[in-house]
């Protein structure tokens, strides 16, 4: 897919979601998408149709992270993206809202290799890939209460996930969750709902 065709599709889907994209960001998002298409032929990064991309694929992989950018605090120091896989939401969000330090956490080595190439090719300054399990990350005391932002694309929002977020977030830190939210969320004390824009849920750590 040429940059022009991709940019037209992306602009159309972004406009439908009420998001504006600068031309430089659109070019970098196209470069990310091309890497994703190339690697997805070799390893299973996403089951969404990429070649050519469906509107659903563009929405899920790129537009949703761009919508989430409006929910994120203006300044982000340490950011953990959990189960980074094919790089969404982390990479599109990093392109339009860079953090001081983005850490993409991915336990599977082949997917981690893709993420490292994306970091190099897209020149994502301050981004790193940690090949480890989420449970290991959370159990390391050095990571407890350090995160300004945690993002995760989850099939289901669950109590174990909320417990992990509770450990990682500092007071005032945010979590942006991409997934199907139940009608009621049972959150640990001190972790509050900030905003719900299906399929996005924004949480904030208000106290210990």
Protein backbone atom coordinates (compact mmCIF):
# COMPACT_ATOMS: atom_id res chain seq x y z
CA UNK A 1 0.00 0.00 0.00
CA UNK A 2 1.39 3.41 -0.98
CA UNK A 3 1.78 6.14 1.64
CA UNK A 4 -0.88 8.20 -0.12
CA UNK A 5 -3.51 5.45 -0.10
CA UNK A 6 -2.75 4.56 3.51
CA UNK A 7 -2.82 8.22 4.58
CA UNK A 8 -6.21 8.70 2.92
CA UNK A 9 -7.66 5.68 4.71
CA UNK A 10 -6.12 6.71 8.01
CA UNK A 11 -7.35 10.30 7.64
CA UNK A 12 -10.86 9.06 6.89
CA UNK A 13 -10.97 6.74 9.89
CA UNK A 14 -9.37 9.32 12.19
CA UNK A 15 -11.88 11.98 11.10
CA UNK A 16 -14.72 9.59 11.93
CA UNK A 17 -13.25 9.32 15.44
CA UNK A 18 -12.73 13.08 15.74
CA UNK A 19 -8.91 12.89 15.58
CA UNK A 20 -6.59 15.13 13.54
CA UNK A 21 -3.19 13.80 12.43
CA UNK A 22 -0.19 15.92 11.40
CA UNK A 23 1.47 14.91 8.13
CA UNK A 24 4.78 13.95 9.81
CA UNK A 25 2.93 11.70 12.26
CA UNK A 26 0.96 10.15 9.38
CA UNK A 27 4.22 9.30 7.60
CA UNK A 28 5.65 7.61 10.70
CA UNK A 29 2.41 5.73 11.30
CA UNK A 30 2.60 4.44 7.72
CA UNK A 31 6.20 3.31 8.31
CA UNK A 32 5.08 1.45 11.44
CA UNK A 33 2.21 -0.17 9.58
CA UNK A 34 4.50 -1.31 6.76
CA UNK A 35 6.82 -2.95 9.31
CA UNK A 36 3.84 -4.64 10.93
CA UNK A 37 2.60 -5.99 7.59
CA UNK A 38 6.08 -7.29 6.69
CA UNK A 39 6.63 -9.07 10.01
CA UNK A 40 3.08 -10.37 10.23
CA UNK A 41 3.76 -12.50 7.16
CA UNK A 42 6.44 -14.33 9.18
CA UNK A 43 5.05 -14.38 12.71
CA UNK A 44 1.53 -13.89 14.06
CA UNK A 45 1.50 -10.35 15.40
CA UNK A 46 -2.19 -9.72 14.79
CA UNK A 47 -5.16 -11.59 13.37
CA UNK A 48 -6.56 -8.40 11.84
CA UNK A 49 -6.48 -8.09 8.04
CA UNK A 50 -3.48 -5.94 7.07
CA UNK A 51 -2.83 -6.46 3.37
CA UNK A 52 -4.84 -4.53 2.34
CA UNK A 53 -5.92 -3.19 5.73
CA UNK A 54 -9.57 -3.20 6.65
CA UNK A 55 -11.09 -0.19 8.38
CA UNK A 56 -11.36 -2.36 11.50
CA UNK A 57 -7.61 -2.99 11.45
CA UNK A 58 -6.81 0.71 11.07
CA UNK A 59 -9.25 1.60 13.83
CA UNK A 60 -7.97 -0.99 16.30
CA UNK A 61 -4.27 -0.67 15.65
CA UNK A 62 -3.86 3.05 15.05
CA UNK A 63 -6.96 5.18 15.55
CA UNK A 64 -7.78 3.89 19.05
CA UNK A 65 -4.29 4.78 20.36
CA UNK A 66 -4.62 8.24 18.79
CA UNK A 67 -7.95 8.75 20.54
CA UNK A 68 -6.29 7.65 23.80
CA UNK A 69 -3.68 10.40 23.41
CA UNK A 70 -6.30 12.95 24.46
CA UNK A 71 -6.76 11.09 27.76
CA UNK A 72 -3.07 10.98 28.67
CA UNK A 73 -1.42 13.59 30.90
CA UNK A 74 0.64 16.21 29.00
CA UNK A 75 3.92 14.94 30.45
CA UNK A 76 4.74 11.26 30.91
CA UNK A 77 7.99 10.09 32.50
CA UNK A 78 7.97 6.29 32.87
CA UNK A 79 5.47 4.37 30.74
CA UNK A 80 4.97 0.60 30.75
CA UNK A 81 3.07 -1.01 27.87
CA UNK A 82 2.12 -4.53 28.93
CA UNK A 83 2.02 -7.42 26.46
CA UNK A 84 3.14 -5.20 23.59
CA UNK A 85 2.92 -7.87 20.85
CA UNK A 86 2.48 -6.08 17.53
CA UNK A 87 3.23 -2.66 19.00
CA UNK A 88 -0.28 -1.26 19.36
CA UNK A 89 -1.25 0.80 21.29
CA UNK A 90 2.29 1.72 22.36
CA UNK A 91 3.95 2.70 19.07
CA UNK A 92 1.15 4.83 17.54
CA UNK A 93 0.63 6.55 20.90
CA UNK A 94 4.38 7.13 21.30
CA UNK A 95 4.53 8.70 17.83
CA UNK A 96 1.94 11.35 18.68
CA UNK A 97 2.57 11.64 22.44
CA UNK A 98 6.20 10.69 23.24
CA UNK A 99 7.16 9.79 26.80
CA UNK A 100 10.41 10.21 28.64
CA UNK A 101 10.83 6.43 28.81
CA UNK A 102 8.56 3.91 27.09
CA UNK A 103 9.11 0.30 28.16
CA UNK A 104 7.33 -2.27 26.01
CA UNK A 105 6.96 -5.53 27.92
CA UNK A 106 6.72 -8.65 25.76
CA UNK A 107 7.56 -12.19 26.93
CA UNK A 108 7.77 -13.81 23.48
CA UNK A 109 11.19 -13.38 21.90
CA UNK A 110 10.08 -13.22 18.26
CA UNK A 111 7.55 -10.50 18.98
CA UNK A 112 10.14 -8.68 21.05
CA UNK A 113 12.49 -8.81 18.02
CA UNK A 114 9.84 -7.08 15.92
CA UNK A 115 9.40 -4.40 18.57
CA UNK A 116 13.15 -3.77 18.72
CA UNK A 117 13.30 -3.34 14.94
CA UNK A 118 10.38 -0.93 15.10
CA UNK A 119 12.18 1.10 17.77
CA UNK A 120 15.27 1.29 15.54
CA UNK A 121 13.51 1.97 12.25
CA UNK A 122 11.13 4.57 13.65
CA UNK A 123 13.83 6.15 15.83
CA UNK A 124 11.68 6.04 18.95
CA UNK A 125 13.97 7.90 21.31
CA UNK A 126 13.61 6.69 24.90
CA UNK A 127 11.78 3.50 23.93
CA UNK A 128 12.99 0.08 25.07
CA UNK A 129 11.79 -3.53 24.93
CA UNK A 130 11.95 -5.83 27.94
CA UNK A 131 11.57 -9.54 27.20
CA UNK A 132 9.92 -10.65 30.42
CA UNK A 133 6.58 -11.77 31.79
CA UNK A 134 4.23 -9.18 33.22
CA UNK A 135 4.14 -11.08 36.53
CA UNK A 136 7.95 -10.88 36.77
CA UNK A 137 7.90 -7.15 36.04
CA UNK A 138 5.29 -6.49 38.70
CA UNK A 139 7.04 -8.63 41.33
CA UNK A 140 10.29 -6.66 40.96
CA UNK A 141 10.34 -4.05 43.74
CA UNK A 142 12.30 -1.67 41.49
CA UNK A 143 9.19 -1.22 39.34
CA UNK A 144 6.62 -0.79 42.09
CA UNK A 145 4.89 2.62 42.15
CA UNK A 146 7.14 4.05 39.42
CA UNK A 147 4.84 4.37 36.41
CA UNK A 148 3.28 7.62 35.22
CA UNK A 149 1.39 5.62 32.59
CA UNK A 150 0.52 1.97 31.98
CA UNK A 151 -1.20 0.83 28.80
CA UNK A 152 -2.51 -2.61 27.92
CA UNK A 153 -4.69 -4.09 25.23
CA UNK A 154 -6.67 -6.73 27.10
CA UNK A 155 -9.31 -9.11 25.84
CA UNK A 156 -10.95 -8.90 29.26
CA UNK A 157 -10.48 -6.44 32.10
CA UNK A 158 -10.02 -8.52 35.23
CA UNK A 159 -9.11 -8.35 38.91
CA UNK A 160 -5.54 -9.73 38.34
CA UNK A 161 -4.91 -6.99 35.76
CA UNK A 162 -6.16 -4.29 38.11
CA UNK A 163 -3.89 -5.66 40.84
CA UNK A 164 -0.89 -5.39 38.49
CA UNK A 165 -1.79 -1.81 37.60
CA UNK A 166 -2.20 -0.98 41.28
CA UNK A 167 1.37 -2.12 41.95
CA UNK A 168 3.01 -0.34 39.01
CA UNK A 169 1.34 3.07 39.15
CA UNK A 170 2.67 5.89 41.25
CA UNK A 171 0.20 8.26 42.92
CA UNK A 172 -1.26 10.39 40.14
CA UNK A 173 -0.30 7.82 37.49
CA UNK A 174 -2.69 6.72 34.77
CA UNK A 175 -3.69 3.46 33.16
CA UNK A 176 -5.29 3.36 29.70
CA UNK A 177 -6.96 0.03 28.93
CA UNK A 178 -8.02 -1.12 25.48
CA UNK A 179 -10.64 -3.84 25.66
CA UNK A 180 -14.17 -4.81 26.54
CA UNK A 181 -15.15 -3.18 29.80
CA UNK A 182 -17.71 -4.91 32.04
CA UNK A 183 -20.69 -2.85 33.18
CA UNK A 184 -19.17 -2.60 36.65
CA UNK A 185 -15.46 -2.46 37.43
CA UNK A 186 -14.28 -3.76 40.81
CA UNK A 187 -11.12 -1.74 41.41
CA UNK A 188 -8.60 -1.83 44.26
CA UNK A 189 -8.84 1.07 46.74
CA UNK A 190 -7.05 4.13 45.39
CA UNK A 191 -7.49 3.18 41.73
CA UNK A 192 -10.32 5.29 40.30
CA UNK A 193 -12.11 5.53 36.98
CA UNK A 194 -11.07 8.69 35.18
CA UNK A 195 -12.98 8.28 31.94
CA UNK A 196 -14.70 5.62 29.84
CA UNK A 197 -14.84 5.95 26.05
CA UNK A 198 -15.55 2.47 24.67
CA UNK A 199 -13.39 0.56 23.97
CA UNK A 200 -11.09 2.70 26.17
CA UNK A 201 -11.04 2.90 29.95
CA UNK A 202 -8.83 5.45 31.71
CA UNK A 203 -7.91 4.94 35.38
CA UNK A 204 -5.90 7.04 37.82
CA UNK A 205 -4.05 6.08 40.99
CA UNK A 206 -5.23 8.59 43.62
CA UNK A 207 -3.82 7.07 46.78
CA UNK A 208 -1.99 4.08 48.23
